Amino acid sequence: MNHIQNAKVFKALCDPKRLAIIELLTNGEQCACVLLEQLDLTQSGLSYHMKILVESQLVQSRQEGKWMYYQISTEGRMAAVELLLAITATK
């Protein structure tokens, strides 16, 4: 197990604002501008939380013009599920 990457996944999931962002992204790809309208965050606050979510690989991003677009990463989501199953498995 890569403990550093595993810790990043749990860090991403341990904040209520990041959980709210993930919930919004379950509706599909969202522009940062749309996320800002729906959350009580400043642009720098959103950037901070998105950096953590992207580093955890739960969320992927792409830039179009001056805006960033975010969506849940299928691979990252599955890796997080597998991680939780692996660390909670009885021996």
PDB file of N, CA and C in Angstrom:
ATOM      1  N   MET A   1       0.832  -1.194   0.000  1.00  0.00           N
ATOM      2  CA  MET A   1       0.000   0.000   0.000  1.00  0.00           C
ATOM      3  C   MET A   1       0.871   1.250   0.000  1.00  0.00           C
ATOM      4  N   ASN A   2       0.454   2.238  -0.740  1.00  0.00           N
ATOM      5  CA  ASN A   2       1.135   3.521  -0.735  1.00  0.00           C
ATOM      6  C   ASN A   2       0.476   4.383   0.337  1.00  0.00           C
ATOM      7  N   HIS A   3       1.091   4.450   1.491  1.00  0.00           N
ATOM      8  CA  HIS A   3       0.483   5.135   2.638  1.00  0.00           C
ATOM      9  C   HIS A   3       0.302   6.636   2.406  1.00  0.00           C
ATOM     10  N   ILE A   4       1.201   7.242   1.648  1.00  0.00           N
ATOM     11  CA  ILE A   4       1.078   8.681   1.393  1.00  0.00           C
ATOM     12  C   ILE A   4      -0.165   8.959   0.548  1.00  0.00           C
ATOM     13  N   GLN A   5      -0.352   8.217  -0.532  1.00  0.00           N
ATOM     14  CA  GLN A   5      -1.536   8.414  -1.380  1.00  0.00           C
ATOM     15  C   GLN A   5      -2.804   8.053  -0.620  1.00  0.00           C
ATOM     16  N   ASN A   6      -2.750   7.001   0.182  1.00  0.00           N
ATOM     17  CA  ASN A   6      -3.923   6.615   0.981  1.00  0.00           C
ATOM     18  C   ASN A   6      -4.322   7.731   1.936  1.00  0.00           C
ATOM     19  N   ALA A   7      -3.335   8.359   2.562  1.00  0.00           N
ATOM     20  CA  ALA A   7      -3.628   9.463   3.483  1.00  0.00           C
ATOM     21  C   ALA A   7      -4.262  10.640   2.734  1.00  0.00           C
ATOM     22  N   LYS A   8      -3.829  10.866   1.486  1.00  0.00           N
ATOM     23  CA  LYS A   8      -4.418  11.952   0.697  1.00  0.00           C
ATOM     24  C   LYS A   8      -5.894  11.705   0.430  1.00  0.00           C
ATOM     25  N   VAL A   9      -6.265  10.461   0.210  1.00  0.00           N
ATOM     26  CA  VAL A   9      -7.674  10.127  -0.019  1.00  0.00           C
ATOM     27  C   VAL A   9      -8.491  10.450   1.226  1.00  0.00           C
ATOM     28  N   PHE A  10      -8.005  10.023   2.376  1.00  0.00           N
ATOM     29  CA  PHE A  10      -8.767  10.277   3.602  1.00  0.00           C
ATOM     30  C   PHE A  10      -8.767  11.754   3.976  1.00  0.00           C
ATOM     31  N   LYS A  11      -7.664  12.454   3.691  1.00  0.00           N
ATOM     32  CA  LYS A  11      -7.638  13.903   3.929  1.00  0.00           C
ATOM     33  C   LYS A  11      -8.704  14.586   3.077  1.00  0.00           C
ATOM     34  N   ALA A  12      -8.845  14.134   1.835  1.00  0.00           N
ATOM     35  CA  ALA A  12      -9.834  14.727   0.936  1.00  0.00           C
ATOM     36  C   ALA A  12     -11.247  14.517   1.448  1.00  0.00           C
ATOM     37  N   LEU A  13     -11.486  13.403   2.117  1.00  0.00           N
ATOM     38  CA  LEU A  13     -12.838  13.053   2.554  1.00  0.00           C
ATOM     39  C   LEU A  13     -13.181  13.531   3.964  1.00  0.00           C
ATOM     40  N   CYS A  14     -12.227  14.123   4.666  1.00  0.00           N
ATOM     41  CA  CYS A  14     -12.473  14.449   6.080  1.00  0.00           C
ATOM     42  C   CYS A  14     -12.941  15.889   6.306  1.00  0.00           C
ATOM     43  N   ASP A  15     -13.282  16.594   5.252  1.00  0.00           N
ATOM     44  CA  ASP A  15     -13.711  17.986   5.410  1.00  0.00           C
ATOM     45  C   ASP A  15     -15.122  18.158   4.857  1.00  0.00           C
ATOM     46  N   PRO A  16     -16.014  18.784   5.613  1.00  0.00           N
ATOM     47  CA  PRO A  16     -17.398  18.955   5.149  1.00  0.00           C
ATOM     48  C   PRO A  16     -17.515  19.729   3.834  1.00  0.00           C
ATOM     49  N   LYS A  17     -16.669  20.718   3.615  1.00  0.00           N
ATOM     50  CA  LYS A  17     -16.746  21.486   2.373  1.00  0.00           C
ATOM     51  C   LYS A  17     -16.334  20.629   1.181  1.00  0.00           C
ATOM     52  N   ARG A  18     -15.312  19.781   1.372  1.00  0.00           N
ATOM     53  CA  ARG A  18     -14.897  18.904   0.279  1.00  0.00           C
ATOM     54  C   ARG A  18     -15.954  17.845   0.000  1.00  0.00           C
ATOM     55  N   LEU A  19     -16.620  17.370   1.042  1.00  0.00           N
ATOM     56  CA  LEU A  19     -17.714  16.422   0.824  1.00  0.00           C
ATOM     57  C   LEU A  19     -18.856  17.081   0.057  1.00  0.00           C
ATOM     58  N   ALA A  20     -19.123  18.353   0.343  1.00  0.00           N
ATOM     59  CA  ALA A  20     -20.160  19.090  -0.393  1.00  0.00           C
ATOM     60  C   ALA A  20     -19.765  19.251  -1.859  1.00  0.00           C
ATOM     61  N   ILE A  21     -18.485  19.497  -2.112  1.00  0.00           N
ATOM     62  CA  ILE A  21     -17.999  19.622  -3.486  1.00  0.00           C
ATOM     63  C   ILE A  21     -18.180  18.297  -4.222  1.00  0.00           C
ATOM     64  N   ILE A  22     -17.794  17.197  -3.574  1.00  0.00           N
ATOM     65  CA  ILE A  22     -17.950  15.881  -4.195  1.00  0.00           C
ATOM     66  C   ILE A  22     -19.419  15.615  -4.514  1.00  0.00           C
ATOM     67  N   GLU A  23     -20.281  15.972  -3.595  1.00  0.00           N
ATOM     68  CA  GLU A  23     -21.716  15.771  -3.831  1.00  0.00           C
ATOM     69  C   GLU A  23     -22.188  16.556  -5.054  1.00  0.00           C
ATOM     70  N   LEU A  24     -21.723  17.794  -5.189  1.00  0.00           N
ATOM     71  CA  LEU A  24     -22.091  18.593  -6.362  1.00  0.00           C
ATOM     72  C   LEU A  24     -21.555  17.957  -7.652  1.00  0.00           C
ATOM     73  N   LEU A  25     -20.385  17.351  -7.567  1.00  0.00           N
ATOM     74  CA  LEU A  25     -19.781  16.748  -8.755  1.00  0.00           C
ATOM     75  C   LEU A  25     -20.443  15.435  -9.154  1.00  0.00           C
ATOM     76  N   THR A  26     -21.296  14.886  -8.290  1.00  0.00           N
ATOM     77  CA  THR A  26     -22.015  13.670  -8.678  1.00  0.00           C
ATOM     78  C   THR A  26     -23.024  13.965  -9.794  1.00  0.00           C
ATOM     79  N   ASN A  27     -23.315  15.246 -10.011  1.00  0.00           N
ATOM     80  CA  ASN A  27     -24.207  15.649 -11.108  1.00  0.00           C
ATOM     81  C   ASN A  27     -23.461  15.781 -12.433  1.00  0.00           C
ATOM     82  N   GLY A  28     -22.155  15.512 -12.422  1.00  0.00           N
ATOM     83  CA  GLY A  28     -21.349  15.630 -13.637  1.00  0.00           C
ATOM     84  C   GLY A  28     -20.335  16.747 -13.512  1.00  0.00           C
ATOM     85  N   GLU A  29     -19.602  16.937 -14.595  1.00  0.00           N
ATOM     86  CA  GLU A  29     -18.545  17.949 -14.617  1.00  0.00           C
ATOM     87  C   GLU A  29     -19.118  19.330 -14.294  1.00  0.00           C
ATOM     88  N   GLN A  30     -18.368  20.079 -13.477  1.00  0.00           N
ATOM     89  CA  GLN A  30     -18.803  21.414 -13.076  1.00  0.00           C
ATOM     90  C   GLN A  30     -17.660  22.401 -13.251  1.00  0.00           C
ATOM     91  N   CYS A  31     -18.005  23.580 -13.710  1.00  0.00           N
ATOM     92  CA  CYS A  31     -17.054  24.684 -13.791  1.00  0.00           C
ATOM     93  C   CYS A  31     -16.823  25.225 -12.378  1.00  0.00           C
ATOM     94  N   ALA A  32     -15.624  25.697 -12.127  1.00  0.00           N
ATOM     95  CA  ALA A  32     -15.344  26.310 -10.824  1.00  0.00           C
ATOM     96  C   ALA A  32     -16.315  27.454 -10.551  1.00  0.00           C
ATOM     97  N   CYS A  33     -16.705  28.172 -11.593  1.00  0.00           N
ATOM     98  CA  CYS A  33     -17.645  29.290 -11.413  1.00  0.00           C
ATOM     99  C   CYS A  33     -18.992  28.804 -10.893  1.00  0.00           C
ATOM    100  N   VAL A  34     -19.439  27.648 -11.346  1.00  0.00           N
ATOM    101  CA  VAL A  34     -20.709  27.080 -10.879  1.00  0.00           C
ATOM    102  C   VAL A  34     -20.565  26.604  -9.434  1.00  0.00           C
ATOM    103  N   LEU A  35     -19.447  25.979  -9.126  1.00  0.00           N
ATOM    104  CA  LEU A  35     -19.215  25.526  -7.752  1.00  0.00           C
ATOM    105  C   LEU A  35     -19.197  26.707  -6.791  1.00  0.00           C
ATOM    106  N   LEU A  36     -18.569  27.796  -7.201  1.00  0.00           N
ATOM    107  CA  LEU A  36     -18.512  28.990  -6.349  1.00  0.00           C
ATOM    108  C   LEU A  36     -19.903  29.531  -6.049  1.00  0.00           C
ATOM    109  N   GLU A  37     -20.792  29.472  -7.013  1.00  0.00           N
ATOM    110  CA  GLU A  37     -22.162  29.969  -6.816  1.00  0.00           C
ATOM    111  C   GLU A  37     -22.922  29.132  -5.788  1.00  0.00           C
ATOM    112  N   GLN A  38     -22.560  27.856  -5.673  1.00  0.00           N
ATOM    113  CA  GLN A  38     -23.330  26.946  -4.833  1.00  0.00           C
ATOM    114  C   GLN A  38     -22.712  26.708  -3.458  1.00  0.00           C
ATOM    115  N   LEU A  39     -21.506  27.209  -3.251  1.00  0.00           N
ATOM    116  CA  LEU A  39     -20.806  26.965  -1.984  1.00  0.00           C
ATOM    117  C   LEU A  39     -20.486  28.282  -1.300  1.00  0.00           C
ATOM    118  N   ASP A  40     -20.358  28.230   0.003  1.00  0.00           N
ATOM    119  CA  ASP A  40     -19.969  29.405   0.776  1.00  0.00           C
ATOM    120  C   ASP A  40     -18.448  29.448   0.863  1.00  0.00           C
ATOM    121  N   LEU A  41     -17.809  29.699  -0.295  1.00  0.00           N
ATOM    122  CA  LEU A  41     -16.348  29.729  -0.380  1.00  0.00           C
ATOM    123  C   LEU A  41     -15.907  30.904  -1.236  1.00  0.00           C
ATOM    124  N   THR A  42     -14.716  31.410  -0.938  1.00  0.00           N
ATOM    125  CA  THR A  42     -14.081  32.377  -1.821  1.00  0.00           C
ATOM    126  C   THR A  42     -13.397  31.592  -2.939  1.00  0.00           C
ATOM    127  N   GLN A  43     -12.942  32.288  -3.965  1.00  0.00           N
ATOM    128  CA  GLN A  43     -12.250  31.596  -5.054  1.00  0.00           C
ATOM    129  C   GLN A  43     -10.976  30.932  -4.531  1.00  0.00           C
ATOM    130  N   SER A  44     -10.242  31.615  -3.646  1.00  0.00           N
ATOM    131  CA  SER A  44      -9.022  31.002  -3.100  1.00  0.00           C
ATOM    132  C   SER A  44      -9.363  29.806  -2.214  1.00  0.00           C
ATOM    133  N   GLY A  45     -10.472  29.869  -1.495  1.00  0.00           N
ATOM    134  CA  GLY A  45     -10.908  28.734  -0.677  1.00  0.00           C
ATOM    135  C   GLY A  45     -11.269  27.537  -1.530  1.00  0.00           C
ATOM    136  N   LEU A  46     -11.989  27.798  -2.637  1.00  0.00           N
ATOM    137  CA  LEU A  46     -12.330  26.714  -3.549  1.00  0.00           C
ATOM    138  C   LEU A  46     -11.067  26.111  -4.148  1.00  0.00           C
ATOM    139  N   SER A  47     -10.135  26.951  -4.554  1.00  0.00           N
ATOM    140  CA  SER A  47      -8.878  26.458  -5.133  1.00  0.00           C
ATOM    141  C   SER A  47      -8.140  25.556  -4.150  1.00  0.00           C
ATOM    142  N   TYR A  48      -8.111  25.947  -2.889  1.00  0.00           N
ATOM    143  CA  TYR A  48      -7.456  25.140  -1.856  1.00  0.00           C
ATOM    144  C   TYR A  48      -8.097  23.754  -1.762  1.00  0.00           C
ATOM    145  N   HIS A  49      -9.413  23.712  -1.675  1.00  0.00           N
ATOM    146  CA  HIS A  49     -10.107  22.434  -1.542  1.00  0.00           C
ATOM    147  C   HIS A  49      -9.981  21.589  -2.814  1.00  0.00           C
ATOM    148  N   MET A  50     -10.018  22.235  -3.979  1.00  0.00           N
ATOM    149  CA  MET A  50      -9.893  21.484  -5.228  1.00  0.00           C
ATOM    150  C   MET A  50      -8.499  20.903  -5.373  1.00  0.00           C
ATOM    151  N   LYS A  51      -7.485  21.608  -4.900  1.00  0.00           N
ATOM    152  CA  LYS A  51      -6.117  21.093  -4.954  1.00  0.00           C
ATOM    153  C   LYS A  51      -6.028  19.787  -4.169  1.00  0.00           C
ATOM    154  N   ILE A  52      -6.618  19.757  -2.998  1.00  0.00           N
ATOM    155  CA  ILE A  52      -6.599  18.548  -2.170  1.00  0.00           C
ATOM    156  C   ILE A  52      -7.373  17.421  -2.838  1.00  0.00           C
ATOM    157  N   LEU A  53      -8.528  17.738  -3.402  1.00  0.00           N
ATOM    158  CA  LEU A  53      -9.336  16.715  -4.076  1.00  0.00           C
ATOM    159  C   LEU A  53      -8.627  16.161  -5.316  1.00  0.00           C
ATOM    160  N   VAL A  54      -7.971  17.021  -6.072  1.00  0.00           N
ATOM    161  CA  VAL A  54      -7.250  16.566  -7.263  1.00  0.00           C
ATOM    162  C   VAL A  54      -6.025  15.738  -6.860  1.00  0.00           C
ATOM    163  N   GLU A  55      -5.286  16.183  -5.831  1.00  0.00           N
ATOM    164  CA  GLU A  55      -4.123  15.424  -5.368  1.00  0.00           C
ATOM    165  C   GLU A  55      -4.514  14.048  -4.847  1.00  0.00           C
ATOM    166  N   SER A  56      -5.718  13.923  -4.320  1.00  0.00           N
ATOM    167  CA  SER A  56      -6.183  12.630  -3.822  1.00  0.00           C
ATOM    168  C   SER A  56      -6.564  11.698  -4.964  1.00  0.00           C
ATOM    169  N   GLN A  57      -6.685  12.240  -6.156  1.00  0.00           N
ATOM    170  CA  GLN A  57      -7.087  11.544  -7.371  1.00  0.00           C
ATOM    171  C   GLN A  57      -8.570  11.161  -7.382  1.00  0.00           C
ATOM    172  N   LEU A  58      -9.353  11.695  -6.427  1.00  0.00           N
ATOM    173  CA  LEU A  58     -10.794  11.489  -6.444  1.00  0.00           C
ATOM    174  C   LEU A  58     -11.466  12.367  -7.491  1.00  0.00           C
ATOM    175  N   VAL A  59     -10.828  13.483  -7.803  1.00  0.00           N
ATOM    176  CA  VAL A  59     -11.363  14.456  -8.747  1.00  0.00           C
ATOM    177  C   VAL A  59     -10.297  14.739  -9.801  1.00  0.00           C
ATOM    178  N   GLN A  60     -10.754  14.926 -11.035  1.00  0.00           N
ATOM    179  CA  GLN A  60      -9.831  15.329 -12.090  1.00  0.00           C
ATOM    180  C   GLN A  60     -10.253  16.685 -12.611  1.00  0.00           C
ATOM    181  N   SER A  61      -9.294  17.399 -13.177  1.00  0.00           N
ATOM    182  CA  SER A  61      -9.578  18.759 -13.637  1.00  0.00           C
ATOM    183  C   SER A  61      -9.080  18.947 -15.068  1.00  0.00           C
ATOM    184  N   ARG A  62      -9.665  19.958 -15.696  1.00  0.00           N
ATOM    185  CA  ARG A  62      -9.189  20.400 -17.003  1.00  0.00           C
ATOM    186  C   ARG A  62      -9.450  21.902 -17.097  1.00  0.00           C
ATOM    187  N   GLN A  63      -8.597  22.575 -17.829  1.00  0.00           N
ATOM    188  CA  GLN A  63      -8.763  24.010 -17.988  1.00  0.00           C
ATOM    189  C   GLN A  63      -9.327  24.310 -19.367  1.00  0.00           C
ATOM    190  N   GLU A  64     -10.281  25.225 -19.401  1.00  0.00           N
ATOM    191  CA  GLU A  64     -10.848  25.712 -20.655  1.00  0.00           C
ATOM    192  C   GLU A  64     -10.907  27.225 -20.543  1.00  0.00           C
ATOM    193  N   GLY A  65     -10.070  27.884 -21.302  1.00  0.00           N
ATOM    194  CA  GLY A  65      -9.965  29.335 -21.171  1.00  0.00           C
ATOM    195  C   GLY A  65      -9.439  29.690 -19.793  1.00  0.00           C
ATOM    196  N   LYS A  66     -10.130  30.600 -19.123  1.00  0.00           N
ATOM    197  CA  LYS A  66      -9.673  30.990 -17.784  1.00  0.00           C
ATOM    198  C   LYS A  66     -10.292  30.147 -16.676  1.00  0.00           C
ATOM    199  N   TRP A  67     -11.205  29.233 -17.018  1.00  0.00           N
ATOM    200  CA  TRP A  67     -11.909  28.457 -16.000  1.00  0.00           C
ATOM    201  C   TRP A  67     -11.411  27.028 -15.917  1.00  0.00           C
ATOM    202  N   MET A  68     -11.471  26.506 -14.704  1.00  0.00           N
ATOM    203  CA  MET A  68     -11.167  25.102 -14.464  1.00  0.00           C
ATOM    204  C   MET A  68     -12.492  24.347 -14.375  1.00  0.00           C
ATOM    205  N   TYR A  69     -12.497  23.152 -14.904  1.00  0.00           N
ATOM    206  CA  TYR A  69     -13.649  22.266 -14.837  1.00  0.00           C
ATOM    207  C   TYR A  69     -13.239  21.016 -14.072  1.00  0.00           C
ATOM    208  N   TYR A  70     -14.137  20.537 -13.222  1.00  0.00           N
ATOM    209  CA  TYR A  70     -13.844  19.403 -12.352  1.00  0.00           C
ATOM    210  C   TYR A  70     -14.900  18.316 -12.505  1.00  0.00           C
ATOM    211  N   GLN A  71     -14.443  17.085 -12.339  1.00  0.00           N
ATOM    212  CA  GLN A  71     -15.367  15.955 -12.325  1.00  0.00           C
ATOM    213  C   GLN A  71     -14.774  14.855 -11.466  1.00  0.00           C
ATOM    214  N   ILE A  72     -15.645  13.990 -10.995  1.00  0.00           N
ATOM    215  CA  ILE A  72     -15.183  12.846 -10.204  1.00  0.00           C
ATOM    216  C   ILE A  72     -14.419  11.917 -11.128  1.00  0.00           C
ATOM    217  N   SER A  73     -13.285  11.440 -10.659  1.00  0.00           N
ATOM    218  CA  SER A  73     -12.465  10.497 -11.410  1.00  0.00           C
ATOM    219  C   SER A  73     -12.968   9.082 -11.151  1.00  0.00           C
ATOM    220  N   THR A  74     -13.359   8.394 -12.203  1.00  0.00           N
ATOM    221  CA  THR A  74     -13.839   7.017 -12.055  1.00  0.00           C
ATOM    222  C   THR A  74     -12.755   6.143 -11.439  1.00  0.00           C
ATOM    223  N   GLU A  75     -11.529   6.281 -11.924  1.00  0.00           N
ATOM    224  CA  GLU A  75     -10.426   5.472 -11.400  1.00  0.00           C
ATOM    225  C   GLU A  75     -10.155   5.804  -9.937  1.00  0.00           C
ATOM    226  N   GLY A  76     -10.153   7.093  -9.610  1.00  0.00           N
ATOM    227  CA  GLY A  76      -9.904   7.517  -8.241  1.00  0.00           C
ATOM    228  C   GLY A  76     -10.996   7.057  -7.290  1.00  0.00           C
ATOM    229  N   ARG A  77     -12.224   7.113  -7.753  1.00  0.00           N
ATOM    230  CA  ARG A  77     -13.355   6.655  -6.937  1.00  0.00           C
ATOM    231  C   ARG A  77     -13.234   5.172  -6.638  1.00  0.00           C
ATOM    232  N   MET A  78     -12.919   4.386  -7.652  1.00  0.00           N
ATOM    233  CA  MET A  78     -12.785   2.941  -7.462  1.00  0.00           C
ATOM    234  C   MET A  78     -11.586   2.617  -6.559  1.00  0.00           C
ATOM    235  N   ALA A  79     -10.500   3.351  -6.718  1.00  0.00           N
ATOM    236  CA  ALA A  79      -9.326   3.134  -5.868  1.00  0.00           C
ATOM    237  C   ALA A  79      -9.659   3.438  -4.406  1.00  0.00           C
ATOM    238  N   ALA A  80     -10.463   4.474  -4.164  1.00  0.00           N
ATOM    239  CA  ALA A  80     -10.853   4.820  -2.793  1.00  0.00           C
ATOM    240  C   ALA A  80     -11.728   3.735  -2.183  1.00  0.00           C
ATOM    241  N   VAL A  81     -12.638   3.183  -2.965  1.00  0.00           N
ATOM    242  CA  VAL A  81     -13.497   2.094  -2.484  1.00  0.00           C
ATOM    243  C   VAL A  81     -12.634   0.873  -2.150  1.00  0.00           C
ATOM    244  N   GLU A  82     -11.708   0.528  -3.042  1.00  0.00           N
ATOM    245  CA  GLU A  82     -10.829  -0.612  -2.816  1.00  0.00           C
ATOM    246  C   GLU A  82      -9.958  -0.393  -1.579  1.00  0.00           C
ATOM    247  N   LEU A  83      -9.489   0.837  -1.398  1.00  0.00           N
ATOM    248  CA  LEU A  83      -8.679   1.169  -0.224  1.00  0.00           C
ATOM    249  C   LEU A  83      -9.455   0.938   1.063  1.00  0.00           C
ATOM    250  N   LEU A  84     -10.662   1.439   1.129  1.00  0.00           N
ATOM    251  CA  LEU A  84     -11.460   1.270   2.329  1.00  0.00           C
ATOM    252  C   LEU A  84     -11.739  -0.211   2.602  1.00  0.00           C
ATOM    253  N   LEU A  85     -12.049  -0.958   1.570  1.00  0.00           N
ATOM    254  CA  LEU A  85     -12.279  -2.387   1.737  1.00  0.00           C
ATOM    255  C   LEU A  85     -11.015  -3.098   2.224  1.00  0.00           C
ATOM    256  N   ALA A  86      -9.877  -2.715   1.661  1.00  0.00           N
ATOM    257  CA  ALA A  86      -8.610  -3.365   2.034  1.00  0.00           C
ATOM    258  C   ALA A  86      -8.211  -3.094   3.473  1.00  0.00           C
ATOM    259  N   ILE A  87      -8.361  -1.849   3.915  1.00  0.00           N
ATOM    260  CA  ILE A  87      -7.889  -1.540   5.273  1.00  0.00           C
ATOM    261  C   ILE A  87      -8.868  -1.951   6.356  1.00  0.00           C
ATOM    262  N   THR A  88     -10.094  -2.245   5.960  1.00  0.00           N
ATOM    263  CA  THR A  88     -11.072  -2.673   6.968  1.00  0.00           C
ATOM    264  C   THR A  88     -11.361  -4.185   6.913  1.00  0.00           C
ATOM    265  N   ALA A  89     -10.662  -4.871   6.044  1.00  0.00           N
ATOM    266  CA  ALA A  89     -10.869  -6.325   5.914  1.00  0.00           C
ATOM    267  C   ALA A  89     -10.376  -7.044   7.158  1.00  0.00           C
ATOM    268  N   THR A  90     -11.131  -7.999   7.605  1.00  0.00           N
ATOM    269  CA  THR A  90     -10.693  -8.798   8.736  1.00  0.00           C
ATOM    270  C   THR A  90      -9.692  -9.837   8.247  1.00  0.00           C
ATOM    271  N   LYS A  91      -8.794 -10.199   9.129  1.00  0.00           N
ATOM    272  CA  LYS A  91      -7.731 -11.144   8.757  1.00  0.00           C
ATOM    273  C   LYS A  91      -7.966 -12.490   9.358  1.00  0.00           C
TER     274      LYS A  91
END
